[in-house]
Amino acid sequence: MTNDPTSPVALELERLRGTMEAGFARVDGSLALLVQRSDQTDKQLADHEARLDALERNRWPLAGIGAVTAVAGVAVSVFQLTAR
């Protein structure tokens, strides 16, 4: 094989190299976009989990307050009935 840069094989190899570089650049760009979207999705998921945890934490005290209020209402009613 000769080292002639103008040979048809060398020209085709150079075109093939350029095509491969362009393809790899396009694939790298697509992968970078997918990684960015994945990171955004992870952040949204973490945010939703934090908000859900906060809602679950705040839900239980409300039920406890409701139960205490109901028991207090029953106690007052029983006291009023026995006071008569």
PDB file of N, CA and C in Angstrom:
ATOM      1  N   MET A   1       0.845  -1.161   0.000  1.00  0.00           N
ATOM      2  CA  MET A   1       0.000   0.000   0.000  1.00  0.00           C
ATOM      3  C   MET A   1       0.896   1.231   0.000  1.00  0.00           C
ATOM      4  N   THR A   2       0.520   2.214  -0.740  1.00  0.00           N
ATOM      5  CA  THR A   2       1.325   3.432  -0.837  1.00  0.00           C
ATOM      6  C   THR A   2       0.816   4.456   0.150  1.00  0.00           C
ATOM      7  N   ASN A   3       1.628   5.418   0.434  1.00  0.00           N
ATOM      8  CA  ASN A   3       1.254   6.498   1.344  1.00  0.00           C
ATOM      9  C   ASN A   3       0.739   7.700   0.582  1.00  0.00           C
ATOM     10  N   ASP A   4       0.220   7.494  -0.588  1.00  0.00           N
ATOM     11  CA  ASP A   4      -0.286   8.578  -1.422  1.00  0.00           C
ATOM     12  C   ASP A   4      -1.619   9.067  -0.868  1.00  0.00           C
ATOM     13  N   PRO A   5      -1.709  10.311  -0.377  1.00  0.00           N
ATOM     14  CA  PRO A   5      -2.964  10.801   0.207  1.00  0.00           C
ATOM     15  C   PRO A   5      -4.059  11.028  -0.817  1.00  0.00           C
ATOM     16  N   THR A   6      -3.734  10.939  -2.100  1.00  0.00           N
ATOM     17  CA  THR A   6      -4.755  11.157  -3.127  1.00  0.00           C
ATOM     18  C   THR A   6      -5.290   9.858  -3.691  1.00  0.00           C
ATOM     19  N   SER A   7      -4.893   8.720  -3.148  1.00  0.00           N
ATOM     20  CA  SER A   7      -5.390   7.449  -3.670  1.00  0.00           C
ATOM     21  C   SER A   7      -6.874   7.303  -3.329  1.00  0.00           C
ATOM     22  N   PRO A   8      -7.624   6.586  -4.138  1.00  0.00           N
ATOM     23  CA  PRO A   8      -9.064   6.434  -3.884  1.00  0.00           C
ATOM     24  C   PRO A   8      -9.366   5.782  -2.534  1.00  0.00           C
ATOM     25  N   VAL A   9      -8.543   4.848  -2.126  1.00  0.00           N
ATOM     26  CA  VAL A   9      -8.780   4.176  -0.849  1.00  0.00           C
ATOM     27  C   VAL A   9      -8.591   5.170   0.301  1.00  0.00           C
ATOM     28  N   ALA A  10      -7.552   5.980   0.229  1.00  0.00           N
ATOM     29  CA  ALA A  10      -7.304   6.962   1.283  1.00  0.00           C
ATOM     30  C   ALA A  10      -8.424   7.985   1.340  1.00  0.00           C
ATOM     31  N   LEU A  11      -8.948   8.392   0.193  1.00  0.00           N
ATOM     32  CA  LEU A  11     -10.056   9.350   0.166  1.00  0.00           C
ATOM     33  C   LEU A  11     -11.327   8.742   0.758  1.00  0.00           C
ATOM     34  N   GLU A  12     -11.602   7.512   0.412  1.00  0.00           N
ATOM     35  CA  GLU A  12     -12.790   6.847   0.963  1.00  0.00           C
ATOM     36  C   GLU A  12     -12.660   6.636   2.466  1.00  0.00           C
ATOM     37  N   LEU A  13     -11.460   6.278   2.897  1.00  0.00           N
ATOM     38  CA  LEU A  13     -11.246   6.115   4.339  1.00  0.00           C
ATOM     39  C   LEU A  13     -11.426   7.450   5.071  1.00  0.00           C
ATOM     40  N   GLU A  14     -10.979   8.536   4.466  1.00  0.00           N
ATOM     41  CA  GLU A  14     -11.151   9.853   5.080  1.00  0.00           C
ATOM     42  C   GLU A  14     -12.628  10.242   5.144  1.00  0.00           C
ATOM     43  N   ARG A  15     -13.378   9.942   4.110  1.00  0.00           N
ATOM     44  CA  ARG A  15     -14.831  10.212   4.124  1.00  0.00           C
ATOM     45  C   ARG A  15     -15.526   9.358   5.180  1.00  0.00           C
ATOM     46  N   LEU A  16     -15.116   8.105   5.229  1.00  0.00           N
ATOM     47  CA  LEU A  16     -15.697   7.202   6.217  1.00  0.00           C
ATOM     48  C   LEU A  16     -15.395   7.694   7.634  1.00  0.00           C
ATOM     49  N   ARG A  17     -14.177   8.165   7.838  1.00  0.00           N
ATOM     50  CA  ARG A  17     -13.797   8.705   9.143  1.00  0.00           C
ATOM     51  C   ARG A  17     -14.645   9.925   9.482  1.00  0.00           C
ATOM     52  N   GLY A  18     -14.849  10.808   8.529  1.00  0.00           N
ATOM     53  CA  GLY A  18     -15.676  11.991   8.761  1.00  0.00           C
ATOM     54  C   GLY A  18     -17.115  11.612   9.071  1.00  0.00           C
ATOM     55  N   THR A  19     -17.628  10.627   8.344  1.00  0.00           N
ATOM     56  CA  THR A  19     -18.996  10.155   8.593  1.00  0.00           C
ATOM     57  C   THR A  19     -19.118   9.546   9.987  1.00  0.00           C
ATOM     58  N   MET A  20     -18.120   8.763  10.371  1.00  0.00           N
ATOM     59  CA  MET A  20     -18.145   8.137  11.701  1.00  0.00           C
ATOM     60  C   MET A  20     -18.058   9.203  12.803  1.00  0.00           C
ATOM     61  N   GLU A  21     -17.201  10.202  12.612  1.00  0.00           N
ATOM     62  CA  GLU A  21     -17.083  11.264  13.619  1.00  0.00           C
ATOM     63  C   GLU A  21     -18.401  12.027  13.755  1.00  0.00           C
ATOM     64  N   ALA A  22     -19.041  12.313  12.620  1.00  0.00           N
ATOM     65  CA  ALA A  22     -20.326  13.019  12.671  1.00  0.00           C
ATOM     66  C   ALA A  22     -21.382  12.155  13.373  1.00  0.00           C
ATOM     67  N   GLY A  23     -21.387  10.868  13.075  1.00  0.00           N
ATOM     68  CA  GLY A  23     -22.345   9.961  13.717  1.00  0.00           C
ATOM     69  C   GLY A  23     -22.115   9.866  15.208  1.00  0.00           C
ATOM     70  N   PHE A  24     -20.848   9.740  15.600  1.00  0.00           N
ATOM     71  CA  PHE A  24     -20.542   9.671  17.029  1.00  0.00           C
ATOM     72  C   PHE A  24     -20.904  10.971  17.738  1.00  0.00           C
ATOM     73  N   ALA A  25     -20.685  12.094  17.084  1.00  0.00           N
ATOM     74  CA  ALA A  25     -21.050  13.379  17.683  1.00  0.00           C
ATOM     75  C   ALA A  25     -22.564  13.463  17.884  1.00  0.00           C
ATOM     76  N   ARG A  26     -23.318  12.970  16.909  1.00  0.00           N
ATOM     77  CA  ARG A  26     -24.776  12.988  17.020  1.00  0.00           C
ATOM     78  C   ARG A  26     -25.239  12.057  18.146  1.00  0.00           C
ATOM     79  N   VAL A  27     -24.622  10.886  18.240  1.00  0.00           N
ATOM     80  CA  VAL A  27     -24.980   9.941  19.307  1.00  0.00           C
ATOM     81  C   VAL A  27     -24.601  10.518  20.669  1.00  0.00           C
ATOM     82  N   ASP A  28     -23.440  11.148  20.762  1.00  0.00           N
ATOM     83  CA  ASP A  28     -23.037  11.765  22.033  1.00  0.00           C
ATOM     84  C   ASP A  28     -24.014  12.856  22.445  1.00  0.00           C
ATOM     85  N   GLY A  29     -24.467  13.652  21.485  1.00  0.00           N
ATOM     86  CA  GLY A  29     -25.451  14.688  21.789  1.00  0.00           C
ATOM     87  C   GLY A  29     -26.763  14.100  22.273  1.00  0.00           C
ATOM     88  N   SER A  30     -27.185  13.024  21.630  1.00  0.00           N
ATOM     89  CA  SER A  30     -28.432  12.376  22.050  1.00  0.00           C
ATOM     90  C   SER A  30     -28.301  11.784  23.444  1.00  0.00           C
ATOM     91  N   LEU A  31     -27.162  11.163  23.719  1.00  0.00           N
ATOM     92  CA  LEU A  31     -26.950  10.593  25.046  1.00  0.00           C
ATOM     93  C   LEU A  31     -26.890  11.673  26.116  1.00  0.00           C
ATOM     94  N   ALA A  32     -26.259  12.789  25.793  1.00  0.00           N
ATOM     95  CA  ALA A  32     -26.209  13.895  26.757  1.00  0.00           C
ATOM     96  C   ALA A  32     -27.613  14.409  27.056  1.00  0.00           C
ATOM     97  N   LEU A  33     -28.458  14.485  26.029  1.00  0.00           N
ATOM     98  CA  LEU A  33     -29.839  14.922  26.228  1.00  0.00           C
ATOM     99  C   LEU A  33     -30.604  13.930  27.105  1.00  0.00           C
ATOM    100  N   LEU A  34     -30.391  12.643  26.860  1.00  0.00           N
ATOM    101  CA  LEU A  34     -31.068  11.629  27.678  1.00  0.00           C
ATOM    102  C   LEU A  34     -30.605  11.684  29.130  1.00  0.00           C
ATOM    103  N   VAL A  35     -29.325  11.914  29.349  1.00  0.00           N
ATOM    104  CA  VAL A  35     -28.810  12.019  30.714  1.00  0.00           C
ATOM    105  C   VAL A  35     -29.411  13.242  31.403  1.00  0.00           C
ATOM    106  N   GLN A  36     -29.518  14.350  30.686  1.00  0.00           N
ATOM    107  CA  GLN A  36     -30.107  15.564  31.260  1.00  0.00           C
ATOM    108  C   GLN A  36     -31.564  15.318  31.631  1.00  0.00           C
ATOM    109  N   ARG A  37     -32.301  14.670  30.748  1.00  0.00           N
ATOM    110  CA  ARG A  37     -33.710  14.386  31.053  1.00  0.00           C
ATOM    111  C   ARG A  37     -33.829  13.435  32.234  1.00  0.00           C
ATOM    112  N   SER A  38     -32.939  12.464  32.306  1.00  0.00           N
ATOM    113  CA  SER A  38     -32.949  11.526  33.430  1.00  0.00           C
ATOM    114  C   SER A  38     -32.676  12.250  34.742  1.00  0.00           C
ATOM    115  N   ASP A  39     -31.729  13.183  34.722  1.00  0.00           N
ATOM    116  CA  ASP A  39     -31.438  13.964  35.930  1.00  0.00           C
ATOM    117  C   ASP A  39     -32.643  14.801  36.348  1.00  0.00           C
ATOM    118  N   GLN A  40     -33.318  15.409  35.372  1.00  0.00           N
ATOM    119  CA  GLN A  40     -34.507  16.201  35.688  1.00  0.00           C
ATOM    120  C   GLN A  40     -35.607  15.319  36.274  1.00  0.00           C
ATOM    121  N   THR A  41     -35.761  14.132  35.710  1.00  0.00           N
ATOM    122  CA  THR A  41     -36.775  13.202  36.213  1.00  0.00           C
ATOM    123  C   THR A  41     -36.438  12.771  37.634  1.00  0.00           C
ATOM    124  N   ASP A  42     -35.156  12.511  37.898  1.00  0.00           N
ATOM    125  CA  ASP A  42     -34.746  12.140  39.255  1.00  0.00           C
ATOM    126  C   ASP A  42     -35.030  13.263  40.245  1.00  0.00           C
ATOM    127  N   LYS A  43     -34.768  14.507  39.835  1.00  0.00           N
ATOM    128  CA  LYS A  43     -35.043  15.643  40.720  1.00  0.00           C
ATOM    129  C   LYS A  43     -36.537  15.776  40.981  1.00  0.00           C
ATOM    130  N   GLN A  44     -37.349  15.604  39.942  1.00  0.00           N
ATOM    131  CA  GLN A  44     -38.798  15.695  40.128  1.00  0.00           C
ATOM    132  C   GLN A  44     -39.295  14.580  41.034  1.00  0.00           C
ATOM    133  N   LEU A  45     -38.766  13.380  40.855  1.00  0.00           N
ATOM    134  CA  LEU A  45     -39.171  12.250  41.685  1.00  0.00           C
ATOM    135  C   LEU A  45     -38.799  12.491  43.144  1.00  0.00           C
ATOM    136  N   ALA A  46     -37.606  13.007  43.385  1.00  0.00           N
ATOM    137  CA  ALA A  46     -37.196  13.306  44.756  1.00  0.00           C
ATOM    138  C   ALA A  46     -38.084  14.391  45.367  1.00  0.00           C
ATOM    139  N   ASP A  47     -38.444  15.387  44.560  1.00  0.00           N
ATOM    140  CA  ASP A  47     -39.326  16.455  45.044  1.00  0.00           C
ATOM    141  C   ASP A  47     -40.706  15.899  45.386  1.00  0.00           C
ATOM    142  N   HIS A  48     -41.222  15.039  44.542  1.00  0.00           N
ATOM    143  CA  HIS A  48     -42.548  14.459  44.794  1.00  0.00           C
ATOM    144  C   HIS A  48     -42.510  13.563  46.032  1.00  0.00           C
ATOM    145  N   GLU A  49     -41.436  12.812  46.210  1.00  0.00           N
ATOM    146  CA  GLU A  49     -41.337  11.961  47.390  1.00  0.00           C
ATOM    147  C   GLU A  49     -41.274  12.800  48.663  1.00  0.00           C
ATOM    148  N   ALA A  50     -40.535  13.906  48.608  1.00  0.00           N
ATOM    149  CA  ALA A  50     -40.454  14.785  49.789  1.00  0.00           C
ATOM    150  C   ALA A  50     -41.816  15.385  50.111  1.00  0.00           C
ATOM    151  N   ARG A  51     -42.533  15.814  49.076  1.00  0.00           N
ATOM    152  CA  ARG A  51     -43.861  16.392  49.302  1.00  0.00           C
ATOM    153  C   ARG A  51     -44.832  15.340  49.840  1.00  0.00           C
ATOM    154  N   LEU A  52     -44.749  14.123  49.320  1.00  0.00           N
ATOM    155  CA  LEU A  52     -45.619  13.050  49.793  1.00  0.00           C
ATOM    156  C   LEU A  52     -45.307  12.699  51.243  1.00  0.00           C
ATOM    157  N   ASP A  53     -44.022  12.662  51.588  1.00  0.00           N
ATOM    158  CA  ASP A  53     -43.648  12.399  52.981  1.00  0.00           C
ATOM    159  C   ASP A  53     -44.186  13.479  53.905  1.00  0.00           C
ATOM    160  N   ALA A  54     -44.110  14.732  53.467  1.00  0.00           N
ATOM    161  CA  ALA A  54     -44.633  15.830  54.287  1.00  0.00           C
ATOM    162  C   ALA A  54     -46.140  15.697  54.476  1.00  0.00           C
ATOM    163  N   LEU A  55     -46.851  15.329  53.415  1.00  0.00           N
ATOM    164  CA  LEU A  55     -48.304  15.135  53.542  1.00  0.00           C
ATOM    165  C   LEU A  55     -48.641  13.988  54.483  1.00  0.00           C
ATOM    166  N   GLU A  56     -47.885  12.902  54.379  1.00  0.00           N
ATOM    167  CA  GLU A  56     -48.150  11.754  55.253  1.00  0.00           C
ATOM    168  C   GLU A  56     -47.858  12.100  56.710  1.00  0.00           C
ATOM    169  N   ARG A  57     -46.796  12.874  56.942  1.00  0.00           N
ATOM    170  CA  ARG A  57     -46.478  13.273  58.313  1.00  0.00           C
ATOM    171  C   ARG A  57     -47.561  14.162  58.900  1.00  0.00           C
ATOM    172  N   ASN A  58     -48.109  15.068  58.102  1.00  0.00           N
ATOM    173  CA  ASN A  58     -49.116  16.013  58.593  1.00  0.00           C
ATOM    174  C   ASN A  58     -50.507  15.395  58.683  1.00  0.00           C
ATOM    175  N   ARG A  59     -50.716  14.274  58.036  1.00  0.00           N
ATOM    176  CA  ARG A  59     -52.044  13.665  58.039  1.00  0.00           C
ATOM    177  C   ARG A  59     -52.349  13.026  59.388  1.00  0.00           C
ATOM    178  N   TRP A  60     -51.389  12.351  59.996  1.00  0.00           N
ATOM    179  CA  TRP A  60     -51.657  11.617  61.224  1.00  0.00           C
ATOM    180  C   TRP A  60     -52.015  12.513  62.398  1.00  0.00           C
ATOM    181  N   PRO A  61     -51.396  13.655  62.604  1.00  0.00           N
ATOM    182  CA  PRO A  61     -51.833  14.495  63.731  1.00  0.00           C
ATOM    183  C   PRO A  61     -53.282  14.958  63.590  1.00  0.00           C
ATOM    184  N   LEU A  62     -53.738  15.193  62.365  1.00  0.00           N
ATOM    185  CA  LEU A  62     -55.133  15.611  62.185  1.00  0.00           C
ATOM    186  C   LEU A  62     -56.100  14.524  62.626  1.00  0.00           C
ATOM    187  N   ALA A  63     -55.791  13.287  62.336  1.00  0.00           N
ATOM    188  CA  ALA A  63     -56.654  12.188  62.770  1.00  0.00           C
ATOM    189  C   ALA A  63     -56.643  12.078  64.303  1.00  0.00           C
ATOM    190  N   GLY A  64     -55.480  12.267  64.896  1.00  0.00           N
ATOM    191  CA  GLY A  64     -55.391  12.219  66.363  1.00  0.00           C
ATOM    192  C   GLY A  64     -56.180  13.336  67.011  1.00  0.00           C
ATOM    193  N   ILE A  65     -56.099  14.524  66.448  1.00  0.00           N
ATOM    194  CA  ILE A  65     -56.860  15.666  66.970  1.00  0.00           C
ATOM    195  C   ILE A  65     -58.361  15.405  66.847  1.00  0.00           C
ATOM    196  N   GLY A  66     -58.759  14.817  65.731  1.00  0.00           N
ATOM    197  CA  GLY A  66     -60.179  14.494  65.543  1.00  0.00           C
ATOM    198  C   GLY A  66     -60.657  13.469  66.554  1.00  0.00           C
ATOM    199  N   ALA A  67     -59.827  12.471  66.833  1.00  0.00           N
ATOM    200  CA  ALA A  67     -60.211  11.448  67.809  1.00  0.00           C
ATOM    201  C   ALA A  67     -60.304  12.037  69.210  1.00  0.00           C
ATOM    202  N   VAL A  68     -59.356  12.872  69.584  1.00  0.00           N
ATOM    203  CA  VAL A  68     -59.388  13.502  70.911  1.00  0.00           C
ATOM    204  C   VAL A  68     -60.614  14.393  71.044  1.00  0.00           C
ATOM    205  N   THR A  69     -60.951  15.118  69.991  1.00  0.00           N
ATOM    206  CA  THR A  69     -62.129  15.994  70.017  1.00  0.00           C
ATOM    207  C   THR A  69     -63.405  15.161  70.162  1.00  0.00           C
ATOM    208  N   ALA A  70     -63.468  14.038  69.475  1.00  0.00           N
ATOM    209  CA  ALA A  70     -64.650  13.173  69.574  1.00  0.00           C
ATOM    210  C   ALA A  70     -64.787  12.601  70.981  1.00  0.00           C
ATOM    211  N   VAL A  71     -63.691  12.152  71.541  1.00  0.00           N
ATOM    212  CA  VAL A  71     -63.729  11.606  72.907  1.00  0.00           C
ATOM    213  C   VAL A  71     -64.136  12.698  73.892  1.00  0.00           C
ATOM    214  N   ALA A  72     -63.615  13.900  73.696  1.00  0.00           N
ATOM    215  CA  ALA A  72     -63.997  15.002  74.585  1.00  0.00           C
ATOM    216  C   ALA A  72     -65.480  15.314  74.443  1.00  0.00           C
ATOM    217  N   GLY A  73     -66.017  15.271  73.248  1.00  0.00           N
ATOM    218  CA  GLY A  73     -67.448  15.505  73.047  1.00  0.00           C
ATOM    219  C   GLY A  73     -68.298  14.450  73.719  1.00  0.00           C
ATOM    220  N   VAL A  74     -67.868  13.202  73.604  1.00  0.00           N
ATOM    221  CA  VAL A  74     -68.599  12.116  74.272  1.00  0.00           C
ATOM    222  C   VAL A  74     -68.521  12.292  75.782  1.00  0.00           C
ATOM    223  N   ALA A  75     -67.358  12.664  76.291  1.00  0.00           N
ATOM    224  CA  ALA A  75     -67.200  12.856  77.742  1.00  0.00           C
ATOM    225  C   ALA A  75     -68.096  13.986  78.237  1.00  0.00           C
ATOM    226  N   VAL A  76     -68.174  15.076  77.520  1.00  0.00           N
ATOM    227  CA  VAL A  76     -69.035  16.196  77.925  1.00  0.00           C
ATOM    228  C   VAL A  76     -70.497  15.773  77.882  1.00  0.00           C
ATOM    229  N   SER A  77     -70.886  15.014  76.843  1.00  0.00           N
ATOM    230  CA  SER A  77     -72.280  14.542  76.752  1.00  0.00           C
ATOM    231  C   SER A  77     -72.621  13.620  77.913  1.00  0.00           C
ATOM    232  N   VAL A  78     -71.714  12.703  78.227  1.00  0.00           N
ATOM    233  CA  VAL A  78     -71.960  11.787  79.347  1.00  0.00           C
ATOM    234  C   VAL A  78     -72.043  12.579  80.650  1.00  0.00           C
ATOM    235  N   PHE A  79     -71.189  13.556  80.826  1.00  0.00           N
ATOM    236  CA  PHE A  79     -71.213  14.373  82.047  1.00  0.00           C
ATOM    237  C   PHE A  79     -72.531  15.135  82.170  1.00  0.00           C
ATOM    238  N   GLN A  80     -73.018  15.683  81.031  1.00  0.00           N
ATOM    239  CA  GLN A  80     -74.281  16.419  81.068  1.00  0.00           C
ATOM    240  C   GLN A  80     -75.456  15.492  81.368  1.00  0.00           C
ATOM    241  N   LEU A  81     -75.406  14.262  80.814  1.00  0.00           N
ATOM    242  CA  LEU A  81     -76.520  13.321  81.087  1.00  0.00           C
ATOM    243  C   LEU A  81     -76.514  12.855  82.555  1.00  0.00           C
ATOM    244  N   THR A  82     -75.353  12.668  83.119  1.00  0.00           N
ATOM    245  CA  THR A  82     -75.301  12.211  84.521  1.00  0.00           C
ATOM    246  C   THR A  82     -75.547  13.341  85.516  1.00  0.00           C
ATOM    247  N   ALA A  83     -75.366  14.582  85.086  1.00  0.00           N
ATOM    248  CA  ALA A  83     -75.574  15.716  85.980  1.00  0.00           C
ATOM    249  C   ALA A  83     -77.046  16.003  86.180  1.00  0.00           C
ATOM    250  N   ARG A  84     -77.901  15.530  85.335  1.00  0.00           N
ATOM    251  CA  ARG A  84     -79.344  15.802  85.466  1.00  0.00           C
ATOM    252  C   ARG A  84     -80.007  15.013  86.516  1.00  0.00           C
TER     253      ARG A  84
END
